[in-house]
Amino acid sequence: MTRYIFITGGVVSSLGKGLASAALGALLQARGYTVRLRKLDPYLNVDPGTMSPTQHGEVFVTDDGAETDLDLGHYERFTGRPATRQDNITTGRIYQDIIAKERRGDYLGATIQVIPHVTDAIKDFVRTGNEGIDFVLVEIGGTVGDIEGLPFFEAIRQLSNELPEGDSIFVHLTLLPFIASAGELKTKPTQHSVQELRSIGIAPDILLCRCDRPIPEGERKKLALFCNVKPSAVVEARDAASIYDVPLAYHKAGLDTEVLRSFGIEAKGEPDMRRWADVSSRVHNPEGEVNIAIIGKYTGLKDAYKSLIEALAHGGMANRVKVNLEWIESEVFEHEDPSPYLQDVHGILVPGGFGQRGAEGKIRAARFARERKVPYFGICFGMQMAVIEAARNLAGVGNANSTEFGPTAEPVVGLLTEWLKGNELQKRTSGSDLGGTMRLGAYTAHLKPDSKIASIYRSDVISERHRHRYEVNLDYRKRLEDKGLVFTGLSPDGVLPETIEYPDHPWFIGVQYHPELKSRPFDPHPLFRSFIEAAKVQSRLV
């Protein structure tokens, strides 16, 4: 029997519904239950793939090639369960499907309306594919009262009524602000948020209250009284020093026990929290620290690199060191010498990105790392810029560039127009739509058995997630390899380069894929584990 937990938010955005959902999923797993997490996003984009990272944060990519909300990264990192394209849906995708059916005549002349057609589509999405799952956690994006979210709230209200009695509950995440001048936590914003929720027919079973200090008993009772929940259902979600402390903190606050009680399930014994205790211990008890420079172009919003930040933290946990991140806007290096910024760092990472802005700065960062023997990790765009740097400064291709930046006589990086996905040939042109047209999802790569990267993976066949539409041109391979830059990973057909490295460098690796998407706190990605290990060695040399 599958039970449903609907997680809504109120008062303000960015309270952490995604993290709360992920932590609750981890707690239920620790009690031996199977879980699935899904995200309903009310915005009109079909998916976040065409949205600016500085506005929406990173695009998380699943194995099956879906471009999804970054909260699915939290879900995967906390539960270890790979997400799919069926775990995230937007208003845009729902309307796109409904309009396509209407154009085909599937509705047999009916007038298409929000109720029942849109709400039915949302309910179908939530209920599909949950066979054998004990708990499905459904997070609704935005906050209660948002006009674009109304169809989603109506859909989960209907679904709760249609499910058997006791098979669904509502968890409402709210803010309890502390007003310094009054010297107290204020419950009124939460009361108003719950009132708004109840006005559309949803009564929360549990209040998860974000706060920066303990909730006094008086305020807890007031919330229970005015929001019509039991005092035990007012659960404290206090700020944590690390996101990886959250499952432990939520368990201590009684969230998992209260969720089971709401379903009429007796909580037997304690959950197995050993993996989370170990992760928390590694976070809070490092035996050293390393400084990593991230040379990016979206540094104004750190959520643009959310999975990357967490993967670096996981590498630190594996090596029992604290990872200090130094964010450097890549455009700075187009006008200034990188040396003053990079001479004291222990590792340089150039992440993915799009467009010409800041590209020359990333190329100069790659050159600094190569010449100064500083560990370098180039991911996607970061690999491409490292190859262009080698072509210009080692192989004598002075005009080496990427066609992403415009026509060039030396297209060391060019538009990817054909590739195999399984047995199907994918084709793209420069005029293709931007959304959903990249090389997306998990693809196999074959590594050179004697390469550094193969030794890191302990395998010469890997599968990693991609998100790119430009590729390094293998026509330049011989000239580059003659100068020491080795192509150590290729697609199975040998057509697409996947990894590069300098064998005579302490640690210089570029990858065309995004390894950060598959890193977990309790299972750090091997490349991040190795990169931080190399930085740890470098820290003794600087």
Protein backbone atom coordinates (compact mmCIF):
# COMPACT_ATOMS: atom_id res chain seq x y z
CA MET A 1 0.00 0.00 0.00
CA THR A 2 1.40 3.37 -1.05
CA ARG A 3 0.92 6.37 1.20
CA TYR A 4 1.31 9.99 0.12
CA ILE A 5 2.93 12.91 1.94
CA PHE A 6 2.21 16.32 0.39
CA ILE A 7 4.73 18.98 1.38
CA THR A 8 3.72 22.62 0.98
CA GLY A 9 5.35 25.90 1.96
CA GLY A 10 4.15 29.20 3.31
CA VAL A 11 5.14 32.69 4.50
CA VAL A 12 8.22 33.08 2.23
CA SER A 13 10.03 31.15 -0.46
CA SER A 14 13.45 29.52 -0.07
CA LEU A 15 12.60 27.98 3.29
CA GLY A 16 14.02 24.66 2.17
CA LYS A 17 11.07 22.46 1.19
CA GLY A 18 13.34 20.42 -1.05
CA LEU A 19 15.82 19.78 1.72
CA ALA A 20 13.02 19.05 4.20
CA SER A 21 11.46 16.57 1.76
CA ALA A 22 14.81 14.90 1.16
CA ALA A 23 15.57 14.66 4.89
CA LEU A 24 12.15 13.18 5.64
CA GLY A 25 12.68 10.66 2.85
CA ALA A 26 16.02 9.72 4.39
CA LEU A 27 14.40 9.25 7.82
CA LEU A 28 11.71 6.98 6.43
CA GLN A 29 14.40 4.97 4.63
CA ALA A 30 16.30 4.69 7.90
CA ARG A 31 13.18 3.06 9.34
CA GLY A 32 13.19 0.49 6.56
CA TYR A 33 10.58 1.98 4.22
CA THR A 34 10.89 2.54 0.49
CA VAL A 35 10.37 6.12 -0.69
CA ARG A 36 9.93 8.10 -3.88
CA LEU A 37 10.16 11.89 -4.05
CA ARG A 38 8.46 14.06 -6.65
CA LYS A 39 8.44 17.80 -7.34
CA LEU A 40 5.53 19.79 -8.80
CA ASP A 41 6.74 23.13 -10.17
CA PRO A 42 4.08 25.77 -10.96
CA TYR A 43 6.11 27.86 -13.41
CA LEU A 44 5.15 27.88 -17.11
CA ASN A 45 8.50 26.72 -18.49
CA VAL A 46 8.32 23.17 -19.82
CA ASP A 47 11.46 22.45 -17.80
CA PRO A 48 14.27 24.55 -16.27
CA GLY A 49 16.62 23.76 -19.16
CA THR A 50 16.28 27.17 -20.80
CA MET A 51 16.20 29.17 -17.56
CA SER A 52 19.14 31.31 -16.44
CA PRO A 53 21.22 29.67 -13.68
CA THR A 54 21.46 33.06 -11.96
CA GLN A 55 17.67 33.19 -11.71
CA HIS A 56 16.68 29.61 -11.02
CA GLY A 57 19.84 27.82 -9.91
CA GLU A 58 21.37 24.75 -11.47
CA VAL A 59 19.60 22.38 -13.81
CA PHE A 60 19.76 18.87 -12.38
CA VAL A 61 19.96 16.13 -15.02
CA THR A 62 18.68 12.59 -14.49
CA ASP A 63 19.98 9.36 -16.03
CA ASP A 64 17.11 9.33 -18.51
CA GLY A 65 17.96 12.82 -19.76
CA ALA A 66 15.43 15.02 -18.00
CA GLU A 67 16.39 18.60 -17.13
CA THR A 68 14.83 19.11 -13.71
CA ASP A 69 14.64 21.33 -10.66
CA LEU A 70 17.68 21.37 -8.39
CA ASP A 71 15.62 19.90 -5.53
CA LEU A 72 15.86 16.52 -7.28
CA GLY A 73 19.56 16.73 -6.50
CA HIS A 74 18.70 16.94 -2.80
CA TYR A 75 16.39 13.95 -3.22
CA GLU A 76 19.12 11.83 -4.81
CA ARG A 77 21.86 12.87 -2.41
CA PHE A 78 19.81 12.15 0.69
CA THR A 79 18.09 8.93 -0.39
CA GLY A 80 20.49 7.51 -2.96
CA ARG A 81 17.50 6.74 -5.20
CA PRO A 82 18.05 7.90 -8.82
CA ALA A 83 15.37 10.30 -9.99
CA THR A 84 13.73 10.13 -13.41
CA ARG A 85 11.83 12.47 -15.73
CA GLN A 86 8.67 11.20 -13.99
CA ASP A 87 9.71 12.82 -10.72
CA ASN A 88 9.44 16.48 -11.81
CA ILE A 89 6.69 18.22 -13.74
CA THR A 90 5.87 21.84 -14.48
CA THR A 91 2.75 23.75 -15.44
CA GLY A 92 4.30 24.21 -18.87
CA ARG A 93 4.70 20.49 -19.43
CA ILE A 94 1.17 19.77 -18.24
CA TYR A 95 -0.34 22.38 -20.54
CA GLN A 96 1.87 21.22 -23.41
CA ASP A 97 0.54 17.67 -23.05
CA ILE A 98 -3.07 18.78 -22.66
CA ILE A 99 -2.96 21.09 -25.68
CA ALA A 100 -1.35 18.34 -27.79
CA LYS A 101 -4.23 15.99 -26.85
CA GLU A 102 -6.79 18.68 -27.61
CA ARG A 103 -5.27 19.28 -31.06
CA ARG A 104 -5.43 15.55 -31.80
CA GLY A 105 -9.08 15.48 -30.76
CA ASP A 106 -8.49 13.16 -27.80
CA TYR A 107 -11.05 15.04 -25.69
CA LEU A 108 -13.84 14.42 -28.23
CA GLY A 109 -14.96 18.03 -28.42
CA ALA A 110 -15.02 18.75 -24.68
CA THR A 111 -14.30 22.23 -23.39
CA ILE A 112 -10.80 22.06 -21.82
CA GLN A 113 -10.71 23.60 -18.35
CA VAL A 114 -8.40 23.79 -15.36
CA ILE A 115 -10.89 21.63 -13.45
CA PRO A 116 -11.04 18.78 -14.31
CA HIS A 117 -8.49 18.51 -17.13
CA VAL A 118 -5.44 20.21 -15.60
CA THR A 119 -6.04 18.87 -12.11
CA ASP A 120 -6.64 15.36 -13.50
CA ALA A 121 -3.33 15.53 -15.36
CA ILE A 122 -1.53 16.51 -12.15
CA LYS A 123 -3.18 13.70 -10.19
CA ASP A 124 -2.30 11.16 -12.88
CA PHE A 125 1.32 12.29 -12.74
CA VAL A 126 1.45 11.92 -8.94
CA ARG A 127 -0.15 8.46 -8.89
CA THR A 128 1.70 6.86 -11.81
CA GLY A 129 4.56 4.43 -11.26
CA ASN A 130 4.37 4.06 -7.49
CA GLU A 131 3.93 0.30 -7.34
CA GLY A 132 5.88 -1.23 -4.46
CA ILE A 133 6.69 2.15 -2.87
CA ASP A 134 5.74 2.64 0.78
CA PHE A 135 5.78 6.45 0.83
CA VAL A 136 5.58 8.95 -2.03
CA LEU A 137 6.66 12.43 -0.95
CA VAL A 138 5.26 15.17 -3.20
CA GLU A 139 6.72 18.66 -2.89
CA ILE A 140 4.72 21.57 -4.32
CA GLY A 141 6.97 24.41 -5.46
CA GLY A 142 6.38 28.01 -4.45
CA THR A 143 4.26 29.13 -1.52
CA VAL A 144 0.60 28.83 -0.68
CA GLY A 145 -1.29 31.74 -2.20
CA ASP A 146 0.80 31.94 -5.39
CA ILE A 147 -1.66 32.27 -8.25
CA GLU A 148 0.24 29.85 -10.49
CA GLY A 149 0.21 27.20 -7.77
CA LEU A 150 -3.56 27.06 -7.34
CA PRO A 151 -4.15 24.15 -9.79
CA PHE A 152 -1.56 22.09 -7.92
CA PHE A 153 -3.07 22.77 -4.52
CA GLU A 154 -6.51 21.93 -5.91
CA ALA A 155 -5.15 18.71 -7.42
CA ILE A 156 -3.61 17.45 -4.18
CA ARG A 157 -6.78 18.43 -2.29
CA GLN A 158 -8.83 16.32 -4.68
CA LEU A 159 -6.32 13.47 -4.59
CA SER A 160 -6.35 13.36 -0.81
CA ASN A 161 -10.14 12.92 -0.91
CA GLU A 162 -9.93 10.22 -3.58
CA LEU A 163 -7.31 8.13 -1.78
CA PRO A 164 -8.43 5.64 0.88
CA GLU A 165 -8.92 7.09 4.35
CA GLY A 166 -5.61 7.58 6.12
CA ASP A 167 -3.41 7.18 3.03
CA SER A 168 -2.31 10.81 2.74
CA ILE A 169 -1.16 13.64 4.99
CA PHE A 170 -0.13 17.27 4.52
CA VAL A 171 3.11 18.71 5.93
CA HIS A 172 3.29 22.50 5.85
CA LEU A 173 6.69 24.20 6.11
CA THR A 174 6.53 27.72 7.52
CA LEU A 175 8.71 30.40 9.08
CA LEU A 176 8.74 31.46 12.72
CA PRO A 177 10.65 34.76 12.59
CA PHE A 178 12.37 36.09 15.68
CA ILE A 179 11.65 39.78 16.24
CA ALA A 180 14.62 41.14 18.18
CA SER A 181 12.85 44.23 19.46
CA ALA A 182 10.06 42.08 20.90
CA GLY A 183 12.44 39.35 22.01
CA GLU A 184 10.18 36.54 20.78
CA LEU A 185 9.31 34.20 17.96
CA LYS A 186 6.21 35.33 16.10
CA THR A 187 3.53 32.79 15.20
CA LYS A 188 1.24 35.10 13.25
CA PRO A 189 2.88 34.54 9.82
CA THR A 190 2.38 30.80 10.24
CA GLN A 191 -1.21 31.30 11.36
CA HIS A 192 -1.94 33.36 8.25
CA SER A 193 -0.23 30.82 6.02
CA VAL A 194 -2.30 27.97 7.44
CA GLN A 195 -5.44 30.10 7.13
CA GLU A 196 -4.63 30.58 3.43
CA LEU A 197 -4.08 26.85 3.02
CA ARG A 198 -7.33 25.98 4.75
CA SER A 199 -9.22 28.47 2.57
CA ILE A 200 -8.48 26.26 -0.43
CA GLY A 201 -9.58 23.13 1.38
CA ILE A 202 -6.30 21.76 2.77
CA ALA A 203 -5.76 21.31 6.50
CA PRO A 204 -2.15 20.53 7.46
CA ASP A 205 -1.51 17.52 9.66
CA ILE A 206 2.02 18.60 10.61
CA LEU A 207 3.63 22.02 10.88
CA LEU A 208 7.37 22.02 10.18
CA CYS A 209 8.53 25.35 11.60
CA ARG A 210 11.77 26.94 10.42
CA CYS A 211 13.37 28.90 13.24
CA ASP A 212 16.75 29.90 14.57
CA ARG A 213 16.09 28.96 18.20
CA PRO A 214 13.93 26.55 20.25
CA ILE A 215 10.16 27.04 20.09
CA PRO A 216 8.88 27.91 23.58
CA GLU A 217 6.06 25.74 24.87
CA GLY A 218 3.66 28.68 24.87
CA GLU A 219 4.20 29.38 21.18
CA ARG A 220 3.95 25.69 20.38
CA LYS A 221 0.55 25.48 22.08
CA LYS A 222 -0.62 28.68 20.37
CA LEU A 223 0.29 27.27 16.95
CA ALA A 224 -1.48 24.00 17.74
CA LEU A 225 -4.60 25.86 18.88
CA PHE A 226 -4.88 28.34 16.01
CA CYS A 227 -3.74 25.94 13.27
CA ASN A 228 -5.85 23.00 14.45
CA VAL A 229 -3.06 20.47 14.92
CA LYS A 230 -1.82 18.54 17.93
CA PRO A 231 1.03 20.14 19.92
CA SER A 232 3.23 17.17 19.00
CA ALA A 233 2.59 17.99 15.32
CA VAL A 234 4.32 21.36 15.70
CA VAL A 235 7.82 20.21 14.76
CA GLU A 236 10.86 22.38 15.18
CA ALA A 237 13.06 22.77 12.08
CA ARG A 238 15.88 24.78 13.53
CA ASP A 239 18.74 26.14 11.42
CA ALA A 240 21.56 23.59 11.18
CA ALA A 241 25.30 24.09 10.80
CA SER A 242 25.32 21.68 7.85
CA ILE A 243 22.54 20.37 5.62
CA TYR A 244 23.81 16.88 6.50
CA ASP A 245 22.82 17.49 10.12
CA VAL A 246 19.18 17.91 9.09
CA PRO A 247 18.08 14.23 9.13
CA LEU A 248 19.51 13.85 12.64
CA ALA A 249 17.94 17.13 13.77
CA TYR A 250 14.53 16.26 12.33
CA HIS A 251 14.60 12.87 14.01
CA LYS A 252 15.51 14.48 17.32
CA ALA A 253 12.59 16.90 16.84
CA GLY A 254 10.27 13.92 16.26
CA LEU A 255 9.32 14.47 12.62
CA ASP A 256 9.48 10.84 11.51
CA THR A 257 7.57 9.67 14.58
CA GLU A 258 4.86 12.28 14.01
CA VAL A 259 4.54 11.37 10.32
CA LEU A 260 4.03 7.71 11.15
CA ARG A 261 1.56 8.63 13.91
CA SER A 262 -0.43 10.69 11.42
CA PHE A 263 -0.77 7.57 9.27
CA GLY A 264 -1.76 5.47 12.29
CA ILE A 265 1.54 3.56 12.20
CA GLU A 266 3.32 2.76 15.43
CA ALA A 267 6.99 3.75 15.29
CA LYS A 268 8.81 0.61 16.37
CA GLY A 269 12.27 1.21 17.75
CA GLU A 270 14.75 3.75 16.45
CA PRO A 271 15.74 4.36 12.82
CA ASP A 272 19.21 3.30 11.71
CA MET A 273 20.96 6.67 11.61
CA ARG A 274 24.55 5.39 11.57
CA ARG A 275 25.35 6.60 8.06
CA TRP A 276 24.10 10.09 8.93
CA ALA A 277 26.00 10.13 12.21
CA ASP A 278 29.17 9.23 10.29
CA VAL A 279 28.55 11.93 7.66
CA SER A 280 27.92 14.53 10.37
CA SER A 281 31.08 13.49 12.21
CA ARG A 282 33.17 13.89 9.07
CA VAL A 283 31.71 17.34 8.43
CA HIS A 284 32.37 18.63 11.94
CA ASN A 285 35.68 16.93 12.70
CA PRO A 286 38.03 17.61 9.78
CA GLU A 287 41.72 16.88 10.15
CA GLY A 288 42.81 19.72 7.88
CA GLU A 289 41.55 22.02 5.17
CA VAL A 290 42.11 22.80 1.50
CA ASN A 291 41.35 25.85 -0.60
CA ILE A 292 39.65 25.29 -3.95
CA ALA A 293 39.19 28.12 -6.47
CA ILE A 294 36.03 27.86 -8.58
CA ILE A 295 36.42 29.92 -11.74
CA GLY A 296 32.83 30.47 -12.84
CA LYS A 297 30.46 32.93 -14.47
CA TYR A 298 27.35 32.46 -12.31
CA THR A 299 29.02 33.10 -8.97
CA GLY A 300 26.37 35.64 -7.98
CA LEU A 301 24.01 32.79 -7.13
CA LYS A 302 25.67 29.81 -5.50
CA ASP A 303 22.63 27.62 -6.23
CA ALA A 304 23.81 27.70 -9.86
CA TYR A 305 26.52 25.28 -8.70
CA LYS A 306 24.58 23.42 -6.00
CA SER A 307 25.54 19.85 -6.94
CA LEU A 308 29.13 20.94 -7.50
CA ILE A 309 29.36 22.51 -4.05
CA GLU A 310 27.99 19.37 -2.43
CA ALA A 311 30.24 17.04 -4.44
CA LEU A 312 33.29 19.01 -3.30
CA ALA A 313 32.03 18.73 0.28
CA HIS A 314 31.67 14.97 -0.22
CA GLY A 315 35.26 14.82 -1.44
CA GLY A 316 36.27 16.63 1.71
CA MET A 317 34.36 14.15 3.87
CA ALA A 318 36.12 11.25 2.16
CA ASN A 319 39.50 12.84 2.91
CA ARG A 320 38.50 14.23 6.33
CA VAL A 321 39.31 17.80 5.35
CA LYS A 322 37.29 20.97 5.24
CA VAL A 323 36.93 22.33 1.72
CA ASN A 324 37.07 26.13 1.55
CA LEU A 325 35.67 27.49 -1.71
CA GLU A 326 37.07 30.66 -3.24
CA TRP A 327 34.64 31.99 -5.84
CA ILE A 328 36.26 33.92 -8.67
CA GLU A 329 34.33 35.49 -11.54
CA SER A 330 36.10 34.26 -14.67
CA GLU A 331 35.88 37.65 -16.39
CA VAL A 332 38.40 38.98 -13.85
CA PHE A 333 41.17 36.98 -15.51
CA GLU A 334 40.45 38.58 -18.88
CA HIS A 335 41.86 41.83 -17.51
CA GLU A 336 44.14 40.75 -14.67
CA ASP A 337 46.96 38.27 -14.04
CA PRO A 338 45.53 35.11 -12.39
CA SER A 339 48.63 34.61 -10.22
CA PRO A 340 47.68 36.83 -7.25
CA TYR A 341 44.30 35.10 -7.08
CA LEU A 342 45.50 31.51 -7.52
CA GLN A 343 48.99 31.25 -6.06
CA ASP A 344 47.77 30.08 -2.64
CA VAL A 345 44.96 27.73 -3.70
CA HIS A 346 45.36 23.97 -3.57
CA GLY A 347 43.11 23.15 -6.48
CA ILE A 348 41.38 24.90 -9.41
CA LEU A 349 37.99 23.87 -10.73
CA VAL A 350 36.40 25.27 -13.88
CA PRO A 351 32.75 24.16 -14.04
CA GLY A 352 30.20 23.96 -16.83
CA GLY A 353 28.72 27.02 -18.46
CA PHE A 354 27.43 28.48 -21.70
CA GLY A 355 28.45 31.38 -23.90
CA GLN A 356 31.53 33.46 -24.57
CA ARG A 357 31.41 35.70 -21.50
CA GLY A 358 34.27 34.78 -19.21
CA ALA A 359 35.64 32.06 -21.51
CA GLU A 360 39.08 33.66 -21.94
CA GLY A 361 39.39 33.92 -18.17
CA LYS A 362 38.74 30.19 -17.83
CA ILE A 363 41.37 29.49 -20.49
CA ARG A 364 43.91 31.52 -18.52
CA ALA A 365 43.01 29.65 -15.33
CA ALA A 366 43.63 26.33 -17.11
CA ARG A 367 47.02 27.59 -18.30
CA PHE A 368 47.98 28.67 -14.78
CA ALA A 369 47.09 25.23 -13.42
CA ARG A 370 49.01 23.44 -16.18
CA GLU A 371 52.16 25.52 -15.87
CA ARG A 372 52.20 25.79 -12.07
CA LYS A 373 51.33 22.10 -11.53
CA VAL A 374 48.23 22.95 -9.46
CA PRO A 375 45.48 20.26 -9.44
CA TYR A 376 42.93 21.16 -12.10
CA PHE A 377 39.43 19.78 -12.61
CA GLY A 378 37.63 20.88 -15.77
CA ILE A 379 33.98 19.91 -16.04
CA CYS A 380 32.15 20.11 -19.38
CA PHE A 381 32.92 23.68 -20.51
CA GLY A 382 35.94 23.54 -18.20
CA MET A 383 37.34 20.61 -20.19
CA GLN A 384 36.72 22.41 -23.50
CA MET A 385 38.54 25.53 -22.33
CA ALA A 386 41.50 23.41 -21.16
CA VAL A 387 41.73 21.82 -24.62
CA ILE A 388 41.59 25.22 -26.34
CA GLU A 389 44.35 26.42 -24.00
CA ALA A 390 46.53 23.44 -24.94
CA ALA A 391 45.85 23.94 -28.64
CA ARG A 392 46.86 27.60 -28.49
CA ASN A 393 49.86 27.39 -26.20
CA LEU A 394 51.27 23.90 -26.77
CA ALA A 395 50.15 22.72 -30.20
CA GLY A 396 50.67 26.00 -32.00
CA VAL A 397 47.04 26.48 -33.04
CA GLY A 398 47.02 30.19 -32.23
CA ASN A 399 43.45 30.81 -33.38
CA ALA A 400 41.96 27.78 -31.60
CA ASN A 401 38.44 28.52 -30.46
CA SER A 402 34.88 27.22 -30.11
CA THR A 403 32.14 27.68 -32.69
CA GLU A 404 29.90 28.44 -29.73
CA PHE A 405 31.48 31.89 -29.77
CA GLY A 406 31.05 32.41 -33.53
CA PRO A 407 32.72 31.34 -36.79
CA THR A 408 36.37 30.32 -36.38
CA ALA A 409 39.09 29.03 -38.68
CA GLU A 410 40.25 26.58 -36.00
CA PRO A 411 37.14 24.91 -34.50
CA VAL A 412 38.84 22.95 -31.72
CA VAL A 413 35.39 22.85 -30.09
CA GLY A 414 32.34 22.60 -32.34
CA LEU A 415 28.59 22.04 -32.37
CA LEU A 416 27.62 18.45 -31.69
CA THR A 417 25.34 17.50 -34.62
CA GLU A 418 25.11 13.70 -34.39
CA TRP A 419 25.49 11.10 -31.66
CA LEU A 420 24.18 7.70 -30.74
CA LYS A 421 21.69 7.29 -27.90
CA GLY A 422 21.39 3.56 -27.51
CA ASN A 423 20.77 2.37 -31.07
CA GLU A 424 19.14 5.63 -32.15
CA LEU A 425 21.02 8.35 -34.04
CA GLN A 426 20.33 11.80 -32.61
CA LYS A 427 20.67 14.79 -34.95
CA ARG A 428 20.77 18.51 -34.20
CA THR A 429 21.42 21.71 -36.14
CA SER A 430 22.31 25.26 -35.17
CA GLY A 431 18.64 26.14 -35.71
CA SER A 432 17.25 23.52 -33.33
CA ASP A 433 15.21 24.60 -30.32
CA LEU A 434 17.32 25.26 -27.23
CA GLY A 435 15.10 23.32 -24.82
CA GLY A 436 15.75 19.60 -24.44
CA THR A 437 18.03 19.37 -27.50
CA MET A 438 21.43 18.84 -25.88
CA ARG A 439 23.19 15.56 -25.30
CA LEU A 440 21.35 14.80 -22.08
CA GLY A 441 21.45 12.01 -19.54
CA ALA A 442 23.64 8.98 -18.89
CA TYR A 443 26.05 7.77 -21.56
CA THR A 444 28.75 5.12 -21.44
CA ALA A 445 32.42 6.01 -21.90
CA HIS A 446 35.45 3.77 -22.38
CA LEU A 447 38.63 4.78 -20.55
CA LYS A 448 42.25 3.96 -21.39
CA PRO A 449 43.15 1.14 -19.00
CA ASP A 450 46.53 2.68 -18.05
CA SER A 451 45.20 6.22 -17.50
CA LYS A 452 44.99 8.12 -14.24
CA ILE A 453 41.22 8.47 -14.58
CA ALA A 454 40.74 4.72 -15.07
CA SER A 455 42.73 4.11 -11.89
CA ILE A 456 40.52 6.61 -10.06
CA TYR A 457 37.33 4.87 -11.21
CA ARG A 458 38.93 1.43 -10.89
CA SER A 459 37.21 0.61 -14.15
CA ASP A 460 37.69 1.27 -17.84
CA VAL A 461 33.95 1.48 -18.57
CA ILE A 462 31.85 4.15 -16.87
CA SER A 463 28.42 5.77 -17.17
CA GLU A 464 27.99 9.47 -16.46
CA ARG A 465 25.40 12.19 -17.03
CA HIS A 466 25.84 14.77 -19.77
CA ARG A 467 24.39 18.18 -20.60
CA HIS A 468 26.09 19.89 -23.52
CA ARG A 469 25.72 20.72 -27.21
CA TYR A 470 29.37 21.43 -28.09
CA GLU A 471 32.16 18.88 -28.24
CA VAL A 472 35.95 18.80 -28.60
CA ASN A 473 36.95 18.16 -32.21
CA LEU A 474 38.97 14.93 -32.52
CA ASP A 475 40.58 16.19 -35.73
CA TYR A 476 43.04 17.96 -33.40
CA ARG A 477 43.71 14.88 -31.29
CA LYS A 478 47.13 13.90 -32.70
CA ARG A 479 48.56 17.41 -32.47
CA LEU A 480 47.40 17.70 -28.87
CA GLU A 481 48.57 14.26 -27.81
CA ASP A 482 51.98 14.90 -29.37
CA LYS A 483 52.26 17.79 -26.89
CA GLY A 484 51.20 15.74 -23.86
CA LEU A 485 47.42 16.23 -23.61
CA VAL A 486 45.99 12.71 -23.78
CA PHE A 487 42.42 11.79 -24.68
CA THR A 488 41.84 9.07 -22.10
CA GLY A 489 38.10 8.53 -22.51
CA LEU A 490 35.91 8.16 -25.60
CA SER A 491 32.33 7.24 -26.42
CA PRO A 492 31.89 3.52 -27.25
CA ASP A 493 32.00 4.28 -30.99
CA GLY A 494 35.22 6.25 -30.55
CA VAL A 495 33.72 9.41 -32.03
CA LEU A 496 33.18 11.67 -29.00
CA PRO A 497 35.90 12.61 -26.49
CA GLU A 498 34.85 12.18 -22.87
CA THR A 499 37.99 12.75 -20.77
CA ILE A 500 41.44 14.32 -21.10
CA GLU A 501 44.47 14.45 -18.83
CA TYR A 502 48.16 15.32 -18.63
CA PRO A 503 50.04 12.19 -17.49
CA ASP A 504 53.03 14.28 -16.30
CA HIS A 505 50.88 16.61 -14.16
CA PRO A 506 50.09 15.83 -10.48
CA TRP A 507 46.34 16.02 -11.23
CA PHE A 508 44.92 17.61 -14.36
CA ILE A 509 41.70 16.03 -15.60
CA GLY A 510 38.92 17.30 -17.81
CA VAL A 511 35.60 15.53 -18.34
CA GLN A 512 32.82 16.30 -20.79
CA TYR A 513 30.14 15.06 -18.40
CA HIS A 514 28.93 16.21 -14.98
CA PRO A 515 30.21 13.85 -12.28
CA GLU A 516 28.88 16.11 -9.52
CA LEU A 517 25.35 14.91 -10.30
CA LYS A 518 26.10 11.40 -9.04
CA SER A 519 27.97 12.21 -5.83
CA ARG A 520 26.44 11.30 -2.46
CA PRO A 521 27.51 12.22 1.09
CA PHE A 522 27.76 8.55 2.00
CA ASP A 523 29.23 7.61 -1.42
CA PRO A 524 31.45 10.45 -2.70
CA HIS A 525 32.14 10.46 -6.42
CA PRO A 526 35.60 8.99 -7.09
CA LEU A 527 36.75 12.00 -9.14
CA PHE A 528 35.90 14.44 -6.35
CA ARG A 529 37.45 12.13 -3.77
CA SER A 530 40.66 12.01 -5.83
CA PHE A 531 40.68 15.73 -6.66
CA ILE A 532 40.43 16.73 -3.01
CA GLU A 533 43.09 14.16 -2.15
CA ALA A 534 45.39 15.83 -4.70
CA ALA A 535 44.54 19.23 -3.23
CA LYS A 536 45.40 17.85 0.21
CA VAL A 537 48.85 16.89 -1.09
CA GLN A 538 49.20 20.31 -2.74
CA SER A 539 48.38 22.04 0.55
CA ARG A 540 51.63 20.67 1.96
CA LEU A 541 53.58 22.11 -0.96
CA VAL A 542 52.18 25.66 -1.05
